Amino acid sequence: MNSTLLHPSSMLVIEPGDLHEIVRGQEHVLVERLRPLVESQSTTLDLARVERIDAAGIAALISLYGCAQQAGHSFNVANATHHVADILAIVGLDRILLSPCAGLGSQPEPAFARTAA
């Protein structure tokens, strides 16, 4: 995983490296890697390369969000692909997890900049 610190006192942005899907069997690796980070500072997970997510992946994101909240930090995702953003919107997590910050990745307009309806 690659990480970029936007500002020393602000948010850490994590790219999940070669992770192209967050699905059952892979979700625990993401949680194990990110839990220490989200517990120590506010973190954004860049999902620009993630093409697929399932219920286990959603549960992993919720777990990371909960860990961050308990530690007094924020956790969100940015640059979600259209498919991932649609899934998050269907389950109602778009309002909680999708970052309001634009321009973290290379997409000219983040997939979450559109409405779910």
PDB file of N, CA and C in Angstrom:
ATOM      1  N   MET A   1       0.835  -1.183   0.000  1.00  0.00           N
ATOM      2  CA  MET A   1       0.000   0.000   0.000  1.00  0.00           C
ATOM      3  C   MET A   1       0.875   1.239   0.000  1.00  0.00           C
ATOM      4  N   ASN A   2       0.466   2.188  -0.775  1.00  0.00           N
ATOM      5  CA  ASN A   2       1.162   3.462  -0.823  1.00  0.00           C
ATOM      6  C   ASN A   2       0.408   4.462   0.023  1.00  0.00           C
ATOM      7  N   SER A   3       1.138   5.400   0.619  1.00  0.00           N
ATOM      8  CA  SER A   3       0.462   6.413   1.418  1.00  0.00           C
ATOM      9  C   SER A   3       1.062   7.777   1.127  1.00  0.00           C
ATOM     10  N   THR A   4       0.236   8.793   1.281  1.00  0.00           N
ATOM     11  CA  THR A   4       0.642  10.171   1.089  1.00  0.00           C
ATOM     12  C   THR A   4       0.072  10.987   2.233  1.00  0.00           C
ATOM     13  N   LEU A   5       0.907  11.733   2.917  1.00  0.00           N
ATOM     14  CA  LEU A   5       0.432  12.607   3.979  1.00  0.00           C
ATOM     15  C   LEU A   5       0.159  13.964   3.353  1.00  0.00           C
ATOM     16  N   LEU A   6      -1.133  14.340   3.316  1.00  0.00           N
ATOM     17  CA  LEU A   6      -1.504  15.600   2.683  1.00  0.00           C
ATOM     18  C   LEU A   6      -0.950  16.792   3.440  1.00  0.00           C
ATOM     19  N   HIS A   7      -1.010  16.748   4.739  1.00  0.00           N
ATOM     20  CA  HIS A   7      -0.505  17.819   5.584  1.00  0.00           C
ATOM     21  C   HIS A   7      -0.176  17.168   6.916  1.00  0.00           C
ATOM     22  N   PRO A   8       0.937  17.522   7.537  1.00  0.00           N
ATOM     23  CA  PRO A   8       1.340  16.837   8.764  1.00  0.00           C
ATOM     24  C   PRO A   8       0.254  16.742   9.829  1.00  0.00           C
ATOM     25  N   SER A   9      -0.636  17.715   9.893  1.00  0.00           N
ATOM     26  CA  SER A   9      -1.671  17.662  10.923  1.00  0.00           C
ATOM     27  C   SER A   9      -3.026  17.240  10.366  1.00  0.00           C
ATOM     28  N   SER A  10      -3.065  16.822   9.093  1.00  0.00           N
ATOM     29  CA  SER A  10      -4.370  16.483   8.524  1.00  0.00           C
ATOM     30  C   SER A  10      -4.507  15.000   8.243  1.00  0.00           C
ATOM     31  N   MET A  11      -4.827  14.649   7.034  1.00  0.00           N
ATOM     32  CA  MET A  11      -5.265  13.310   6.714  1.00  0.00           C
ATOM     33  C   MET A  11      -4.234  12.544   5.899  1.00  0.00           C
ATOM     34  N   LEU A  12      -4.089  11.266   6.220  1.00  0.00           N
ATOM     35  CA  LEU A  12      -3.237  10.356   5.476  1.00  0.00           C
ATOM     36  C   LEU A  12      -4.071   9.734   4.364  1.00  0.00           C
ATOM     37  N   VAL A  13      -3.569   9.744   3.144  1.00  0.00           N
ATOM     38  CA  VAL A  13      -4.266   9.141   2.015  1.00  0.00           C
ATOM     39  C   VAL A  13      -3.544   7.849   1.659  1.00  0.00           C
ATOM     40  N   ILE A  14      -4.290   6.744   1.635  1.00  0.00           N
ATOM     41  CA  ILE A  14      -3.740   5.423   1.368  1.00  0.00           C
ATOM     42  C   ILE A  14      -4.251   4.925   0.021  1.00  0.00           C
ATOM     43  N   GLU A  15      -3.345   4.439  -0.813  1.00  0.00           N
ATOM     44  CA  GLU A  15      -3.722   3.745  -2.040  1.00  0.00           C
ATOM     45  C   GLU A  15      -3.513   2.266  -1.776  1.00  0.00           C
ATOM     46  N   PRO A  16      -4.501   1.426  -2.057  1.00  0.00           N
ATOM     47  CA  PRO A  16      -4.377   0.022  -1.708  1.00  0.00           C
ATOM     48  C   PRO A  16      -3.462  -0.784  -2.623  1.00  0.00           C
ATOM     49  N   GLY A  17      -2.536  -0.127  -3.301  1.00  0.00           N
ATOM     50  CA  GLY A  17      -1.553  -0.832  -4.131  1.00  0.00           C
ATOM     51  C   GLY A  17      -2.209  -1.602  -5.253  1.00  0.00           C
ATOM     52  N   ASP A  18      -1.912  -2.902  -5.321  1.00  0.00           N
ATOM     53  CA  ASP A  18      -2.438  -3.724  -6.410  1.00  0.00           C
ATOM     54  C   ASP A  18      -3.793  -4.344  -6.081  1.00  0.00           C
ATOM     55  N   LEU A  19      -4.443  -3.865  -5.053  1.00  0.00           N
ATOM     56  CA  LEU A  19      -5.754  -4.370  -4.661  1.00  0.00           C
ATOM     57  C   LEU A  19      -6.814  -3.819  -5.617  1.00  0.00           C
ATOM     58  N   HIS A  20      -7.435  -4.709  -6.394  1.00  0.00           N
ATOM     59  CA  HIS A  20      -8.434  -4.288  -7.373  1.00  0.00           C
ATOM     60  C   HIS A  20      -9.854  -4.670  -6.969  1.00  0.00           C
ATOM     61  N   GLU A  21      -9.957  -5.416  -5.871  1.00  0.00           N
ATOM     62  CA  GLU A  21     -11.266  -5.759  -5.360  1.00  0.00           C
ATOM     63  C   GLU A  21     -11.162  -5.988  -3.857  1.00  0.00           C
ATOM     64  N   ILE A  22     -12.216  -5.591  -3.165  1.00  0.00           N
ATOM     65  CA  ILE A  22     -12.298  -5.803  -1.720  1.00  0.00           C
ATOM     66  C   ILE A  22     -13.450  -6.776  -1.521  1.00  0.00           C
ATOM     67  N   VAL A  23     -13.099  -8.049  -1.475  1.00  0.00           N
ATOM     68  CA  VAL A  23     -14.094  -9.116  -1.431  1.00  0.00           C
ATOM     69  C   VAL A  23     -13.711 -10.138  -0.363  1.00  0.00           C
ATOM     70  N   ARG A  24     -14.655 -11.046  -0.080  1.00  0.00           N
ATOM     71  CA  ARG A  24     -14.439 -12.090   0.918  1.00  0.00           C
ATOM     72  C   ARG A  24     -13.113 -12.804   0.635  1.00  0.00           C
ATOM     73  N   GLY A  25     -12.334 -12.944   1.679  1.00  0.00           N
ATOM     74  CA  GLY A  25     -11.037 -13.586   1.565  1.00  0.00           C
ATOM     75  C   GLY A  25      -9.889 -12.591   1.483  1.00  0.00           C
ATOM     76  N   GLN A  26     -10.185 -11.372   1.045  1.00  0.00           N
ATOM     77  CA  GLN A  26      -9.172 -10.327   0.953  1.00  0.00           C
ATOM     78  C   GLN A  26      -9.407  -9.199   1.946  1.00  0.00           C
ATOM     79  N   GLU A  27     -10.619  -9.131   2.482  1.00  0.00           N
ATOM     80  CA  GLU A  27     -10.978  -8.003   3.336  1.00  0.00           C
ATOM     81  C   GLU A  27     -10.157  -7.953   4.615  1.00  0.00           C
ATOM     82  N   HIS A  28      -9.798  -9.112   5.161  1.00  0.00           N
ATOM     83  CA  HIS A  28      -9.045  -9.130   6.417  1.00  0.00           C
ATOM     84  C   HIS A  28      -7.657  -8.521   6.258  1.00  0.00           C
ATOM     85  N   VAL A  29      -7.057  -8.670   5.080  1.00  0.00           N
ATOM     86  CA  VAL A  29      -5.734  -8.085   4.821  1.00  0.00           C
ATOM     87  C   VAL A  29      -5.831  -6.562   4.871  1.00  0.00           C
ATOM     88  N   LEU A  30      -6.868  -6.023   4.263  1.00  0.00           N
ATOM     89  CA  LEU A  30      -7.070  -4.572   4.267  1.00  0.00           C
ATOM     90  C   LEU A  30      -7.254  -4.062   5.695  1.00  0.00           C
ATOM     91  N   VAL A  31      -8.077  -4.741   6.467  1.00  0.00           N
ATOM     92  CA  VAL A  31      -8.336  -4.316   7.843  1.00  0.00           C
ATOM     93  C   VAL A  31      -7.057  -4.419   8.682  1.00  0.00           C
ATOM     94  N   GLU A  32      -6.335  -5.507   8.548  1.00  0.00           N
ATOM     95  CA  GLU A  32      -5.097  -5.675   9.320  1.00  0.00           C
ATOM     96  C   GLU A  32      -4.075  -4.590   9.000  1.00  0.00           C
ATOM     97  N   ARG A  33      -3.969  -4.227   7.738  1.00  0.00           N
ATOM     98  CA  ARG A  33      -3.000  -3.198   7.332  1.00  0.00           C
ATOM     99  C   ARG A  33      -3.421  -1.794   7.754  1.00  0.00           C
ATOM    100  N   LEU A  34      -4.709  -1.517   7.673  1.00  0.00           N
ATOM    101  CA  LEU A  34      -5.161  -0.147   7.911  1.00  0.00           C
ATOM    102  C   LEU A  34      -5.572   0.149   9.348  1.00  0.00           C
ATOM    103  N   ARG A  35      -5.930  -0.859  10.119  1.00  0.00           N
ATOM    104  CA  ARG A  35      -6.402  -0.599  11.489  1.00  0.00           C
ATOM    105  C   ARG A  35      -5.412   0.248  12.289  1.00  0.00           C
ATOM    106  N   PRO A  36      -4.106  -0.074  12.298  1.00  0.00           N
ATOM    107  CA  PRO A  36      -3.187   0.776  13.070  1.00  0.00           C
ATOM    108  C   PRO A  36      -3.152   2.225  12.581  1.00  0.00           C
ATOM    109  N   LEU A  37      -3.318   2.420  11.279  1.00  0.00           N
ATOM    110  CA  LEU A  37      -3.297   3.775  10.720  1.00  0.00           C
ATOM    111  C   LEU A  37      -4.536   4.564  11.108  1.00  0.00           C
ATOM    112  N   VAL A  38      -5.711   3.941  10.981  1.00  0.00           N
ATOM    113  CA  VAL A  38      -6.942   4.669  11.291  1.00  0.00           C
ATOM    114  C   VAL A  38      -7.081   4.925  12.782  1.00  0.00           C
ATOM    115  N   GLU A  39      -6.418   4.119  13.591  1.00  0.00           N
ATOM    116  CA  GLU A  39      -6.451   4.338  15.030  1.00  0.00           C
ATOM    117  C   GLU A  39      -5.480   5.439  15.465  1.00  0.00           C
ATOM    118  N   SER A  40      -4.516   5.763  14.599  1.00  0.00           N
ATOM    119  CA  SER A  40      -3.518   6.770  14.975  1.00  0.00           C
ATOM    120  C   SER A  40      -3.732   8.128  14.315  1.00  0.00           C
ATOM    121  N   GLN A  41      -4.505   8.176  13.208  1.00  0.00           N
ATOM    122  CA  GLN A  41      -4.760   9.457  12.550  1.00  0.00           C
ATOM    123  C   GLN A  41      -5.897   9.323  11.550  1.00  0.00           C
ATOM    124  N   SER A  42      -6.438  10.441  11.141  1.00  0.00           N
ATOM    125  CA  SER A  42      -7.498  10.450  10.134  1.00  0.00           C
ATOM    126  C   SER A  42      -6.931   9.947   8.816  1.00  0.00           C
ATOM    127  N   THR A  43      -7.716   9.118   8.130  1.00  0.00           N
ATOM    128  CA  THR A  43      -7.218   8.411   6.955  1.00  0.00           C
ATOM    129  C   THR A  43      -8.266   8.385   5.857  1.00  0.00           C
ATOM    130  N   THR A  44      -7.810   8.531   4.613  1.00  0.00           N
ATOM    131  CA  THR A  44      -8.652   8.361   3.435  1.00  0.00           C
ATOM    132  C   THR A  44      -8.101   7.221   2.609  1.00  0.00           C
ATOM    133  N   LEU A  45      -8.956   6.309   2.207  1.00  0.00           N
ATOM    134  CA  LEU A  45      -8.571   5.191   1.354  1.00  0.00           C
ATOM    135  C   LEU A  45      -8.951   5.531  -0.079  1.00  0.00           C
ATOM    136  N   ASP A  46      -7.966   5.594  -0.965  1.00  0.00           N
ATOM    137  CA  ASP A  46      -8.181   5.923  -2.370  1.00  0.00           C
ATOM    138  C   ASP A  46      -8.616   4.653  -3.102  1.00  0.00           C
ATOM    139  N   LEU A  47      -9.843   4.634  -3.582  1.00  0.00           N
ATOM    140  CA  LEU A  47     -10.393   3.444  -4.239  1.00  0.00           C
ATOM    141  C   LEU A  47     -10.396   3.542  -5.759  1.00  0.00           C
ATOM    142  N   ALA A  48      -9.562   4.383  -6.328  1.00  0.00           N
ATOM    143  CA  ALA A  48      -9.559   4.592  -7.777  1.00  0.00           C
ATOM    144  C   ALA A  48      -9.306   3.313  -8.564  1.00  0.00           C
ATOM    145  N   ARG A  49      -8.572   2.377  -8.003  1.00  0.00           N
ATOM    146  CA  ARG A  49      -8.249   1.134  -8.719  1.00  0.00           C
ATOM    147  C   ARG A  49      -9.121  -0.048  -8.299  1.00  0.00           C
ATOM    148  N   VAL A  50     -10.016   0.162  -7.360  1.00  0.00           N
ATOM    149  CA  VAL A  50     -10.861  -0.930  -6.877  1.00  0.00           C
ATOM    150  C   VAL A  50     -12.111  -1.006  -7.749  1.00  0.00           C
ATOM    151  N   GLU A  51     -12.243  -2.120  -8.465  1.00  0.00           N
ATOM    152  CA  GLU A  51     -13.343  -2.301  -9.400  1.00  0.00           C
ATOM    153  C   GLU A  51     -14.517  -3.067  -8.802  1.00  0.00           C
ATOM    154  N   ARG A  52     -14.287  -3.790  -7.693  1.00  0.00           N
ATOM    155  CA  ARG A  52     -15.346  -4.640  -7.159  1.00  0.00           C
ATOM    156  C   ARG A  52     -15.290  -4.667  -5.643  1.00  0.00           C
ATOM    157  N   ILE A  53     -16.466  -4.662  -5.034  1.00  0.00           N
ATOM    158  CA  ILE A  53     -16.581  -4.769  -3.582  1.00  0.00           C
ATOM    159  C   ILE A  53     -17.814  -5.618  -3.293  1.00  0.00           C
ATOM    160  N   ASP A  54     -17.724  -6.460  -2.268  1.00  0.00           N
ATOM    161  CA  ASP A  54     -18.879  -7.264  -1.875  1.00  0.00           C
ATOM    162  C   ASP A  54     -19.224  -6.978  -0.422  1.00  0.00           C
ATOM    163  N   ALA A  55     -20.118  -7.781   0.155  1.00  0.00           N
ATOM    164  CA  ALA A  55     -20.561  -7.551   1.531  1.00  0.00           C
ATOM    165  C   ALA A  55     -19.394  -7.611   2.509  1.00  0.00           C
ATOM    166  N   ALA A  56     -18.447  -8.510   2.289  1.00  0.00           N
ATOM    167  CA  ALA A  56     -17.285  -8.597   3.178  1.00  0.00           C
ATOM    168  C   ALA A  56     -16.427  -7.343   3.068  1.00  0.00           C
ATOM    169  N   GLY A  57     -16.295  -6.793   1.871  1.00  0.00           N
ATOM    170  CA  GLY A  57     -15.544  -5.559   1.680  1.00  0.00           C
ATOM    171  C   GLY A  57     -16.233  -4.376   2.333  1.00  0.00           C
ATOM    172  N   ILE A  58     -17.551  -4.341   2.228  1.00  0.00           N
ATOM    173  CA  ILE A  58     -18.315  -3.285   2.883  1.00  0.00           C
ATOM    174  C   ILE A  58     -18.148  -3.391   4.398  1.00  0.00           C
ATOM    175  N   ALA A  59     -18.199  -4.614   4.909  1.00  0.00           N
ATOM    176  CA  ALA A  59     -18.004  -4.826   6.346  1.00  0.00           C
ATOM    177  C   ALA A  59     -16.610  -4.374   6.780  1.00  0.00           C
ATOM    178  N   ALA A  60     -15.615  -4.582   5.936  1.00  0.00           N
ATOM    179  CA  ALA A  60     -14.251  -4.141   6.249  1.00  0.00           C
ATOM    180  C   ALA A  60     -14.186  -2.618   6.346  1.00  0.00           C
ATOM    181  N   LEU A  61     -14.831  -1.931   5.411  1.00  0.00           N
ATOM    182  CA  LEU A  61     -14.842  -0.467   5.443  1.00  0.00           C
ATOM    183  C   LEU A  61     -15.575   0.047   6.677  1.00  0.00           C
ATOM    184  N   ILE A  62     -16.674  -0.603   7.032  1.00  0.00           N
ATOM    185  CA  ILE A  62     -17.412  -0.215   8.233  1.00  0.00           C
ATOM    186  C   ILE A  62     -16.556  -0.441   9.474  1.00  0.00           C
ATOM    187  N   SER A  63     -15.839  -1.547   9.512  1.00  0.00           N
ATOM    188  CA  SER A  63     -14.954  -1.845  10.645  1.00  0.00           C
ATOM    189  C   SER A  63     -13.878  -0.777  10.788  1.00  0.00           C
ATOM    190  N   LEU A  64     -13.260  -0.391   9.678  1.00  0.00           N
ATOM    191  CA  LEU A  64     -12.225   0.645   9.716  1.00  0.00           C
ATOM    192  C   LEU A  64     -12.815   1.985  10.150  1.00  0.00           C
ATOM    193  N   TYR A  65     -14.005   2.289   9.671  1.00  0.00           N
ATOM    194  CA  TYR A  65     -14.689   3.519  10.071  1.00  0.00           C
ATOM    195  C   TYR A  65     -14.925   3.518  11.585  1.00  0.00           C
ATOM    196  N   GLY A  66     -15.402   2.404  12.106  1.00  0.00           N
ATOM    197  CA  GLY A  66     -15.658   2.289  13.538  1.00  0.00           C
ATOM    198  C   GLY A  66     -14.393   2.422  14.370  1.00  0.00           C
ATOM    199  N   CYS A  67     -13.310   1.791  13.927  1.00  0.00           N
ATOM    200  CA  CYS A  67     -12.024   1.902  14.639  1.00  0.00           C
ATOM    201  C   CYS A  67     -11.551   3.352  14.679  1.00  0.00           C
ATOM    202  N   ALA A  68     -11.683   4.035  13.547  1.00  0.00           N
ATOM    203  CA  ALA A  68     -11.263   5.436  13.478  1.00  0.00           C
ATOM    204  C   ALA A  68     -12.114   6.298  14.403  1.00  0.00           C
ATOM    205  N   GLN A  69     -13.427   6.095  14.378  1.00  0.00           N
ATOM    206  CA  GLN A  69     -14.328   6.876  15.213  1.00  0.00           C
ATOM    207  C   GLN A  69     -14.027   6.670  16.699  1.00  0.00           C
ATOM    208  N   GLN A  70     -13.782   5.420  17.104  1.00  0.00           N
ATOM    209  CA  GLN A  70     -13.469   5.130  18.506  1.00  0.00           C
ATOM    210  C   GLN A  70     -12.174   5.801  18.938  1.00  0.00           C
ATOM    211  N   ALA A  71     -11.247   5.964  17.995  1.00  0.00           N
ATOM    212  CA  ALA A  71      -9.965   6.596  18.307  1.00  0.00           C
ATOM    213  C   ALA A  71     -10.029   8.116  18.172  1.00  0.00           C
ATOM    214  N   GLY A  72     -11.185   8.647  17.779  1.00  0.00           N
ATOM    215  CA  GLY A  72     -11.328  10.095  17.636  1.00  0.00           C
ATOM    216  C   GLY A  72     -10.827  10.633  16.306  1.00  0.00           C
ATOM    217  N   HIS A  73     -10.757   9.770  15.300  1.00  0.00           N
ATOM    218  CA  HIS A  73     -10.284  10.169  13.971  1.00  0.00           C
ATOM    219  C   HIS A  73     -11.380   9.926  12.947  1.00  0.00           C
ATOM    220  N   SER A  74     -11.115  10.350  11.733  1.00  0.00           N
ATOM    221  CA  SER A  74     -12.074  10.096  10.660  1.00  0.00           C
ATOM    222  C   SER A  74     -11.485   9.077   9.691  1.00  0.00           C
ATOM    223  N   PHE A  75     -12.368   8.370   9.022  1.00  0.00           N
ATOM    224  CA  PHE A  75     -11.986   7.440   7.962  1.00  0.00           C
ATOM    225  C   PHE A  75     -12.993   7.600   6.850  1.00  0.00           C
ATOM    226  N   ASN A  76     -12.506   7.755   5.630  1.00  0.00           N
ATOM    227  CA  ASN A  76     -13.396   7.803   4.491  1.00  0.00           C
ATOM    228  C   ASN A  76     -12.693   7.262   3.267  1.00  0.00           C
ATOM    229  N   VAL A  77     -13.425   7.175   2.178  1.00  0.00           N
ATOM    230  CA  VAL A  77     -12.876   6.698   0.919  1.00  0.00           C
ATOM    231  C   VAL A  77     -13.035   7.790  -0.127  1.00  0.00           C
ATOM    232  N   ALA A  78     -12.153   7.777  -1.094  1.00  0.00           N
ATOM    233  CA  ALA A  78     -12.185   8.781  -2.162  1.00  0.00           C
ATOM    234  C   ALA A  78     -11.963   8.104  -3.503  1.00  0.00           C
ATOM    235  N   ASN A  79     -12.345   8.789  -4.550  1.00  0.00           N
ATOM    236  CA  ASN A  79     -12.117   8.342  -5.919  1.00  0.00           C
ATOM    237  C   ASN A  79     -12.700   6.967  -6.196  1.00  0.00           C
ATOM    238  N   ALA A  80     -13.833   6.665  -5.604  1.00  0.00           N
ATOM    239  CA  ALA A  80     -14.474   5.378  -5.843  1.00  0.00           C
ATOM    240  C   ALA A  80     -14.868   5.258  -7.306  1.00  0.00           C
ATOM    241  N   THR A  81     -14.638   4.079  -7.870  1.00  0.00           N
ATOM    242  CA  THR A  81     -15.084   3.830  -9.237  1.00  0.00           C
ATOM    243  C   THR A  81     -16.612   3.882  -9.256  1.00  0.00           C
ATOM    244  N   HIS A  82     -17.185   4.007 -10.430  1.00  0.00           N
ATOM    245  CA  HIS A  82     -18.644   4.106 -10.536  1.00  0.00           C
ATOM    246  C   HIS A  82     -19.321   2.911  -9.872  1.00  0.00           C
ATOM    247  N   HIS A  83     -18.831   1.725 -10.140  1.00  0.00           N
ATOM    248  CA  HIS A  83     -19.449   0.522  -9.581  1.00  0.00           C
ATOM    249  C   HIS A  83     -19.387   0.520  -8.058  1.00  0.00           C
ATOM    250  N   VAL A  84     -18.228   0.814  -7.500  1.00  0.00           N
ATOM    251  CA  VAL A  84     -18.068   0.825  -6.041  1.00  0.00           C
ATOM    252  C   VAL A  84     -18.926   1.938  -5.431  1.00  0.00           C
ATOM    253  N   ALA A  85     -18.939   3.106  -6.043  1.00  0.00           N
ATOM    254  CA  ALA A  85     -19.760   4.212  -5.540  1.00  0.00           C
ATOM    255  C   ALA A  85     -21.242   3.839  -5.579  1.00  0.00           C
ATOM    256  N   ASP A  86     -21.663   3.144  -6.622  1.00  0.00           N
ATOM    257  CA  ASP A  86     -23.058   2.703  -6.709  1.00  0.00           C
ATOM    258  C   ASP A  86     -23.396   1.730  -5.586  1.00  0.00           C
ATOM    259  N   ILE A  87     -22.519   0.787  -5.316  1.00  0.00           N
ATOM    260  CA  ILE A  87     -22.747  -0.183  -4.240  1.00  0.00           C
ATOM    261  C   ILE A  87     -22.833   0.542  -2.897  1.00  0.00           C
ATOM    262  N   LEU A  88     -21.916   1.456  -2.649  1.00  0.00           N
ATOM    263  CA  LEU A  88     -21.948   2.202  -1.386  1.00  0.00           C
ATOM    264  C   LEU A  88     -23.238   3.020  -1.263  1.00  0.00           C
ATOM    265  N   ALA A  89     -23.713   3.563  -2.370  1.00  0.00           N
ATOM    266  CA  ALA A  89     -24.961   4.327  -2.351  1.00  0.00           C
ATOM    267  C   ALA A  89     -26.157   3.420  -2.083  1.00  0.00           C
ATOM    268  N   ILE A  90     -26.169   2.237  -2.673  1.00  0.00           N
ATOM    269  CA  ILE A  90     -27.280   1.303  -2.482  1.00  0.00           C
ATOM    270  C   ILE A  90     -27.434   0.935  -1.011  1.00  0.00           C
ATOM    271  N   VAL A  91     -26.301   0.722  -0.326  1.00  0.00           N
ATOM    272  CA  VAL A  91     -26.375   0.327   1.090  1.00  0.00           C
ATOM    273  C   VAL A  91     -26.393   1.535   2.025  1.00  0.00           C
ATOM    274  N   GLY A  92     -26.382   2.745   1.468  1.00  0.00           N
ATOM    275  CA  GLY A  92     -26.501   3.964   2.276  1.00  0.00           C
ATOM    276  C   GLY A  92     -25.216   4.434   2.919  1.00  0.00           C
ATOM    277  N   LEU A  93     -24.088   3.905   2.493  1.00  0.00           N
ATOM    278  CA  LEU A  93     -22.811   4.310   3.088  1.00  0.00           C
ATOM    279  C   LEU A  93     -22.130   5.447   2.349  1.00  0.00           C
ATOM    280  N   ASP A  94     -22.683   5.862   1.229  1.00  0.00           N
ATOM    281  CA  ASP A  94     -22.068   6.949   0.473  1.00  0.00           C
ATOM    282  C   ASP A  94     -22.004   8.225   1.296  1.00  0.00           C
ATOM    283  N   ARG A  95     -23.047   8.499   2.082  1.00  0.00           N
ATOM    284  CA  ARG A  95     -23.075   9.726   2.893  1.00  0.00           C
ATOM    285  C   ARG A  95     -22.081   9.674   4.048  1.00  0.00           C
ATOM    286  N   ILE A  96     -21.728   8.476   4.475  1.00  0.00           N
ATOM    287  CA  ILE A  96     -20.831   8.315   5.619  1.00  0.00           C
ATOM    288  C   ILE A  96     -19.377   8.158   5.182  1.00  0.00           C
ATOM    289  N   LEU A  97     -19.149   7.366   4.141  1.00  0.00           N
ATOM    290  CA  LEU A  97     -17.784   6.990   3.788  1.00  0.00           C
ATOM    291  C   LEU A  97     -17.142   7.797   2.665  1.00  0.00           C
ATOM    292  N   LEU A  98     -17.936   8.292   1.729  1.00  0.00           N
ATOM    293  CA  LEU A  98     -17.329   8.977   0.590  1.00  0.00           C
ATOM    294  C   LEU A  98     -16.813  10.343   0.996  1.00  0.00           C
ATOM    295  N   SER A  99     -15.562  10.578   0.680  1.00  0.00           N
ATOM    296  CA  SER A  99     -14.894  11.817   1.064  1.00  0.00           C
ATOM    297  C   SER A  99     -15.464  13.011   0.316  1.00  0.00           C
ATOM    298  N   PRO A 100     -15.657  14.133   1.019  1.00  0.00           N
ATOM    299  CA  PRO A 100     -16.089  15.354   0.337  1.00  0.00           C
ATOM    300  C   PRO A 100     -14.947  16.017  -0.415  1.00  0.00           C
ATOM    301  N   CYS A 101     -13.718  15.543  -0.213  1.00  0.00           N
ATOM    302  CA  CYS A 101     -12.541  16.131  -0.861  1.00  0.00           C
ATOM    303  C   CYS A 101     -12.432  15.619  -2.279  1.00  0.00           C
ATOM    304  N   ALA A 102     -12.327  16.507  -3.223  1.00  0.00           N
ATOM    305  CA  ALA A 102     -12.134  16.122  -4.618  1.00  0.00           C
ATOM    306  C   ALA A 102     -10.669  16.255  -4.980  1.00  0.00           C
ATOM    307  N   GLY A 103     -10.289  15.581  -6.050  1.00  0.00           N
ATOM    308  CA  GLY A 103      -8.953  15.767  -6.575  1.00  0.00           C
ATOM    309  C   GLY A 103      -7.858  14.966  -5.901  1.00  0.00           C
ATOM    310  N   LEU A 104      -8.183  13.931  -5.142  1.00  0.00           N
ATOM    311  CA  LEU A 104      -7.137  13.132  -4.527  1.00  0.00           C
ATOM    312  C   LEU A 104      -6.468  12.217  -5.537  1.00  0.00           C
ATOM    313  N   GLY A 105      -7.196  11.820  -6.557  1.00  0.00           N
ATOM    314  CA  GLY A 105      -6.644  10.888  -7.532  1.00  0.00           C
ATOM    315  C   GLY A 105      -6.544  11.521  -8.891  1.00  0.00           C
ATOM    316  N   SER A 106      -6.407  10.666  -9.896  1.00  0.00           N
ATOM    317  CA  SER A 106      -6.194  11.165 -11.244  1.00  0.00           C
ATOM    318  C   SER A 106      -7.485  11.362 -12.018  1.00  0.00           C
ATOM    319  N   GLN A 107      -8.631  10.956 -11.459  1.00  0.00           N
ATOM    320  CA  GLN A 107      -9.884  11.134 -12.166  1.00  0.00           C
ATOM    321  C   GLN A 107     -10.252  12.609 -12.177  1.00  0.00           C
ATOM    322  N   PRO A 108     -10.624  13.153 -13.352  1.00  0.00           N
ATOM    323  CA  PRO A 108     -10.976  14.562 -13.409  1.00  0.00           C
ATOM    324  C   PRO A 108     -12.215  14.885 -12.585  1.00  0.00           C
ATOM    325  N   GLU A 109     -13.180  13.962 -12.529  1.00  0.00           N
ATOM    326  CA  GLU A 109     -14.360  14.169 -11.705  1.00  0.00           C
ATOM    327  C   GLU A 109     -14.611  12.885 -10.931  1.00  0.00           C
ATOM    328  N   PRO A 110     -14.500  12.920  -9.614  1.00  0.00           N
ATOM    329  CA  PRO A 110     -14.675  11.702  -8.829  1.00  0.00           C
ATOM    330  C   PRO A 110     -16.047  11.079  -9.067  1.00  0.00           C
ATOM    331  N   ALA A 111     -16.097   9.747  -9.010  1.00  0.00           N
ATOM    332  CA  ALA A 111     -17.345   9.031  -9.270  1.00  0.00           C
ATOM    333  C   ALA A 111     -18.415   9.397  -8.249  1.00  0.00           C
ATOM    334  N   PHE A 112     -18.014   9.820  -7.058  1.00  0.00           N
ATOM    335  CA  PHE A 112     -19.001  10.124  -6.037  1.00  0.00           C
ATOM    336  C   PHE A 112     -19.548  11.532  -6.146  1.00  0.00           C
ATOM    337  N   ALA A 113     -19.216  12.250  -7.197  1.00  0.00           N
ATOM    338  CA  ALA A 113     -19.704  13.620  -7.366  1.00  0.00           C
ATOM    339  C   ALA A 113     -21.097  13.644  -7.981  1.00  0.00           C
ATOM    340  N   ARG A 114     -21.655  12.455  -8.238  1.00  0.00           N
ATOM    341  CA  ARG A 114     -22.990  12.409  -8.825  1.00  0.00           C
ATOM    342  C   ARG A 114     -23.981  11.877  -7.804  1.00  0.00           C
ATOM    343  N   THR A 115     -25.255  12.081  -8.044  1.00  0.00           N
ATOM    344  CA  THR A 115     -26.271  11.595  -7.122  1.00  0.00           C
ATOM    345  C   THR A 115     -26.529  10.119  -7.355  1.00  0.00           C
ATOM    346  N   ALA A 116     -27.061   9.440  -6.338  1.00  0.00           N
ATOM    347  CA  ALA A 116     -27.342   8.014  -6.450  1.00  0.00           C
ATOM    348  C   ALA A 116     -28.645   7.746  -7.170  1.00  0.00           C
ATOM    349  N   ALA A 117     -29.532   8.706  -7.197  1.00  0.00           N
ATOM    350  CA  ALA A 117     -30.862   8.482  -7.787  1.00  0.00           C
ATOM    351  C   ALA A 117     -30.862   8.616  -9.265  1.00  0.00           C
TER     352      ALA A 117
END
